[in-house]
Every structure is written in structure tokens, then in C-alpha cells.
């Protein structure tokens, strides 16, 4: 499996028969909340939190993008909580 980020989509690319341990890669993507796009024939999500579940499969560009986005969202949450106190 490979996770990449293209045009606002996180894409989990895997062969139909690919196994991750004893689990089919397609099931791992599905369990992470990715949706199958039959036209593109790939698993996709726009949600970085779902993509983060597969970050160990991310290419370098995707991993950097994910970590920056998640860090910014977490920082925003912390600032929001601090402002509410």
C-alpha cells in the first residue's frame, strides 16, 4: 500500500490481492474510513484524520503534508480551549 496526497485527496493505492500481514490492504483502507472510487479504482478520503491512520504507508510529500495539517488543527483546538477559559 502507498498513501499519497493529490489535489486535496488522500489516496491509498494498493493491489486487490495485496496483504498487510494477514489482512487485505483494501480492508485496511476501508477500516480507516477511506471510500472506494470505482472510476479511479482507488481508495480516497479528504479527511486528514482518516489518512493519518495509514501514515506509515505515506510517501514523503504526503507525510509532511499530513503532519503539518494535523499540527495546525491541534494548535487551533488548544487556542480555542484557552480562549474559552
N, C-alpha and C. Protein backbone atom coordinates (compact mmCIF):
# COMPACT_ATOMS: atom_id res chain seq x y z
N UNK A 1 0.85 -1.17 0.00
CA UNK A 1 0.00 0.00 0.00
C UNK A 1 0.90 1.24 0.00
N UNK A 2 0.41 2.24 -0.68
CA UNK A 2 1.07 3.54 -0.67
C UNK A 2 0.01 4.61 -0.46
N UNK A 3 0.30 5.53 0.45
CA UNK A 3 -0.59 6.66 0.70
C UNK A 3 0.05 7.89 0.09
N UNK A 4 -0.72 8.59 -0.74
CA UNK A 4 -0.21 9.83 -1.33
C UNK A 4 -1.30 10.90 -1.28
N UNK A 5 -0.88 12.14 -1.46
CA UNK A 5 -1.79 13.28 -1.41
C UNK A 5 -1.75 13.98 -2.76
N UNK A 6 -2.93 14.09 -3.40
CA UNK A 6 -3.02 14.74 -4.71
C UNK A 6 -4.31 15.55 -4.81
N UNK A 7 -4.19 16.81 -5.12
CA UNK A 7 -5.34 17.68 -5.40
C UNK A 7 -6.42 17.60 -4.32
N UNK A 8 -6.01 17.65 -3.07
CA UNK A 8 -6.96 17.65 -1.97
C UNK A 8 -7.47 16.28 -1.54
N UNK A 9 -6.94 15.23 -2.15
CA UNK A 9 -7.36 13.86 -1.81
C UNK A 9 -6.19 13.06 -1.26
N UNK A 10 -6.48 12.29 -0.23
CA UNK A 10 -5.53 11.28 0.24
C UNK A 10 -5.91 10.00 -0.47
N UNK A 11 -4.95 9.37 -1.10
CA UNK A 11 -5.20 8.19 -1.92
C UNK A 11 -4.39 7.02 -1.38
N UNK A 12 -5.11 5.97 -1.03
CA UNK A 12 -4.46 4.73 -0.59
C UNK A 12 -4.47 3.78 -1.78
N UNK A 13 -3.32 3.62 -2.38
CA UNK A 13 -3.20 2.77 -3.57
C UNK A 13 -2.69 1.40 -3.16
N UNK A 14 -3.41 0.38 -3.61
CA UNK A 14 -2.99 -0.99 -3.30
C UNK A 14 -3.55 -1.94 -4.35
N UNK A 15 -2.88 -3.05 -4.50
CA UNK A 15 -3.37 -4.09 -5.41
C UNK A 15 -4.51 -4.83 -4.72
N UNK A 16 -5.43 -5.34 -5.50
CA UNK A 16 -6.58 -6.05 -4.95
C UNK A 16 -6.14 -7.22 -4.07
N UNK A 17 -5.08 -7.88 -4.44
CA UNK A 17 -4.62 -9.07 -3.71
C UNK A 17 -3.56 -8.77 -2.66
N UNK A 18 -3.19 -7.50 -2.49
CA UNK A 18 -2.13 -7.13 -1.54
C UNK A 18 -2.56 -7.41 -0.10
N UNK A 19 -1.65 -7.99 0.65
CA UNK A 19 -1.90 -8.27 2.06
C UNK A 19 -0.99 -7.40 2.93
N UNK A 20 -1.54 -6.94 4.05
CA UNK A 20 -0.77 -6.25 5.08
C UNK A 20 -0.85 -7.16 6.30
N UNK A 21 0.18 -7.96 6.48
CA UNK A 21 0.09 -9.03 7.46
C UNK A 21 -0.84 -10.08 6.88
N UNK A 22 -1.91 -10.38 7.61
CA UNK A 22 -2.90 -11.34 7.12
C UNK A 22 -4.16 -10.65 6.60
N UNK A 23 -4.18 -9.32 6.66
CA UNK A 23 -5.37 -8.55 6.27
C UNK A 23 -5.20 -7.98 4.87
N UNK A 24 -6.24 -8.12 4.04
CA UNK A 24 -6.17 -7.48 2.71
C UNK A 24 -6.01 -5.96 2.85
N UNK A 25 -5.12 -5.38 2.06
CA UNK A 25 -4.87 -3.94 2.12
C UNK A 25 -6.15 -3.15 1.90
N UNK A 26 -7.02 -3.64 1.03
CA UNK A 26 -8.28 -2.92 0.76
C UNK A 26 -9.13 -2.84 2.02
N UNK A 27 -9.07 -3.86 2.89
CA UNK A 27 -9.83 -3.84 4.15
C UNK A 27 -9.22 -2.85 5.13
N UNK A 28 -7.91 -2.73 5.12
CA UNK A 28 -7.24 -1.76 5.99
C UNK A 28 -7.67 -0.35 5.60
N UNK A 29 -7.69 -0.07 4.30
CA UNK A 29 -8.13 1.25 3.82
C UNK A 29 -9.60 1.49 4.19
N UNK A 30 -10.42 0.50 4.00
CA UNK A 30 -11.85 0.62 4.32
C UNK A 30 -12.06 0.86 5.81
N UNK A 31 -11.34 0.12 6.64
CA UNK A 31 -11.46 0.29 8.09
C UNK A 31 -10.98 1.66 8.55
N UNK A 32 -10.05 2.26 7.81
CA UNK A 32 -9.56 3.59 8.15
C UNK A 32 -10.54 4.69 7.74
N UNK A 33 -11.59 4.31 7.01
CA UNK A 33 -12.60 5.28 6.60
C UNK A 33 -12.46 5.79 5.19
N UNK A 34 -11.57 5.21 4.42
CA UNK A 34 -11.44 5.59 3.02
C UNK A 34 -12.62 5.02 2.23
N UNK A 35 -12.97 5.68 1.15
CA UNK A 35 -14.06 5.22 0.28
C UNK A 35 -13.49 4.81 -1.07
N UNK A 36 -14.06 3.77 -1.63
CA UNK A 36 -13.63 3.27 -2.93
C UNK A 36 -14.18 4.16 -4.03
N UNK A 37 -13.32 4.62 -4.93
CA UNK A 37 -13.73 5.38 -6.10
C UNK A 37 -13.62 4.43 -7.29
N UNK A 38 -14.75 3.92 -7.79
CA UNK A 38 -14.69 2.93 -8.87
C UNK A 38 -14.15 3.48 -10.19
N UNK A 39 -14.33 4.78 -10.45
CA UNK A 39 -13.80 5.35 -11.69
C UNK A 39 -12.27 5.40 -11.64
N UNK A 40 -11.74 5.86 -10.52
CA UNK A 40 -10.28 5.97 -10.38
C UNK A 40 -9.65 4.64 -9.93
N UNK A 41 -10.48 3.74 -9.44
CA UNK A 41 -10.03 2.44 -8.93
C UNK A 41 -8.99 2.60 -7.84
N UNK A 42 -9.38 3.43 -6.82
CA UNK A 42 -8.50 3.66 -5.68
C UNK A 42 -9.33 4.08 -4.46
N UNK A 43 -8.75 3.92 -3.30
CA UNK A 43 -9.37 4.32 -2.04
C UNK A 43 -9.01 5.77 -1.77
N UNK A 44 -10.02 6.59 -1.40
CA UNK A 44 -9.80 8.03 -1.24
C UNK A 44 -10.49 8.57 0.00
N UNK A 45 -9.94 9.66 0.53
CA UNK A 45 -10.59 10.45 1.56
C UNK A 45 -10.04 11.87 1.49
N UNK A 46 -10.83 12.82 1.95
CA UNK A 46 -10.35 14.20 2.09
C UNK A 46 -10.01 14.48 3.55
N UNK A 47 -10.29 13.55 4.43
CA UNK A 47 -10.13 13.73 5.87
C UNK A 47 -8.72 13.37 6.33
N UNK A 48 -7.94 14.35 6.80
CA UNK A 48 -6.58 14.05 7.24
C UNK A 48 -6.52 13.12 8.44
N UNK A 49 -7.55 13.14 9.28
CA UNK A 49 -7.55 12.24 10.44
C UNK A 49 -7.70 10.79 10.00
N UNK A 50 -8.49 10.55 8.98
CA UNK A 50 -8.60 9.19 8.43
C UNK A 50 -7.30 8.80 7.75
N UNK A 51 -6.73 9.72 7.01
CA UNK A 51 -5.46 9.45 6.32
C UNK A 51 -4.35 9.18 7.32
N UNK A 52 -4.41 9.86 8.45
CA UNK A 52 -3.37 9.70 9.47
C UNK A 52 -3.28 8.25 9.96
N UNK A 53 -4.39 7.54 9.93
CA UNK A 53 -4.39 6.14 10.35
C UNK A 53 -3.50 5.28 9.46
N UNK A 54 -3.24 5.74 8.24
CA UNK A 54 -2.40 4.99 7.30
C UNK A 54 -1.06 5.68 7.05
N UNK A 55 -0.67 6.59 7.93
CA UNK A 55 0.53 7.41 7.69
C UNK A 55 1.81 6.59 7.54
N UNK A 56 1.85 5.39 8.10
CA UNK A 56 3.08 4.60 7.94
C UNK A 56 3.28 4.16 6.49
N UNK A 57 2.25 4.29 5.66
CA UNK A 57 2.34 3.95 4.24
C UNK A 57 2.53 5.19 3.36
N UNK A 58 2.60 6.37 3.99
CA UNK A 58 2.65 7.63 3.24
C UNK A 58 4.00 7.85 2.57
N UNK A 59 3.92 8.42 1.37
CA UNK A 59 5.17 8.87 0.74
C UNK A 59 5.61 10.14 1.48
N UNK A 60 6.80 10.61 1.20
CA UNK A 60 7.37 11.73 1.95
C UNK A 60 6.50 12.97 1.86
N UNK A 61 6.05 13.32 0.68
CA UNK A 61 5.24 14.52 0.49
C UNK A 61 3.94 14.44 1.29
N UNK A 62 3.30 13.30 1.25
CA UNK A 62 2.05 13.11 1.97
C UNK A 62 2.28 13.17 3.48
N UNK A 63 3.33 12.54 3.95
CA UNK A 63 3.63 12.53 5.38
C UNK A 63 3.86 13.94 5.91
N UNK A 64 4.63 14.74 5.18
CA UNK A 64 4.89 16.12 5.58
C UNK A 64 3.59 16.92 5.59
N UNK A 65 2.80 16.78 4.54
CA UNK A 65 1.53 17.49 4.45
C UNK A 65 0.61 17.12 5.62
N UNK A 66 0.50 15.84 5.89
CA UNK A 66 -0.37 15.36 6.97
C UNK A 66 0.06 15.91 8.32
N UNK A 67 1.33 15.81 8.62
CA UNK A 67 1.82 16.25 9.92
C UNK A 67 1.64 17.76 10.11
N UNK A 68 1.88 18.54 9.08
CA UNK A 68 1.68 19.99 9.18
C UNK A 68 0.21 20.32 9.41
N UNK A 69 -0.67 19.67 8.66
CA UNK A 69 -2.09 19.94 8.78
C UNK A 69 -2.64 19.52 10.14
N UNK A 70 -2.28 18.36 10.59
CA UNK A 70 -2.74 17.86 11.89
C UNK A 70 -2.20 18.77 13.00
N UNK A 71 -0.94 19.16 12.93
CA UNK A 71 -0.35 20.03 13.95
C UNK A 71 -1.08 21.37 14.00
N UNK A 72 -1.41 21.92 12.86
CA UNK A 72 -2.13 23.19 12.82
C UNK A 72 -3.54 23.05 13.41
N UNK A 73 -4.22 21.96 13.09
CA UNK A 73 -5.57 21.74 13.63
C UNK A 73 -5.52 21.54 15.14
N UNK A 74 -4.52 20.83 15.64
CA UNK A 74 -4.37 20.64 17.08
C UNK A 74 -4.06 21.96 17.77
N UNK A 75 -3.21 22.77 17.16
CA UNK A 75 -2.87 24.08 17.73
C UNK A 75 -4.10 24.96 17.81
N UNK A 76 -4.94 24.92 16.77
CA UNK A 76 -6.16 25.70 16.76
C UNK A 76 -7.10 25.25 17.88
N UNK A 77 -7.21 23.96 18.11
CA UNK A 77 -8.06 23.44 19.19
C UNK A 77 -7.57 23.93 20.54
N UNK A 78 -6.26 23.88 20.77
CA UNK A 78 -5.69 24.31 22.04
C UNK A 78 -5.96 25.79 22.26
N UNK A 79 -5.77 26.60 21.23
CA UNK A 79 -6.02 28.04 21.35
C UNK A 79 -7.49 28.33 21.61
N UNK A 80 -8.39 27.56 21.00
CA UNK A 80 -9.81 27.73 21.21
C UNK A 80 -10.19 27.43 22.65
N UNK A 81 -9.63 26.35 23.19
CA UNK A 81 -9.91 25.98 24.58
C UNK A 81 -9.37 27.03 25.53
N UNK A 82 -8.17 27.55 25.24
CA UNK A 82 -7.58 28.58 26.11
C UNK A 82 -8.40 29.85 26.08
N UNK A 83 -8.95 30.20 24.95
CA UNK A 83 -9.78 31.41 24.83
C UNK A 83 -11.10 31.25 25.56
N UNK A 84 -11.59 30.03 25.67
CA UNK A 84 -12.88 29.77 26.32
C UNK A 84 -12.78 29.82 27.84
N UNK A 85 -11.57 29.76 28.36
CA UNK A 85 -11.39 29.75 29.84
C UNK A 85 -11.44 31.11 30.40
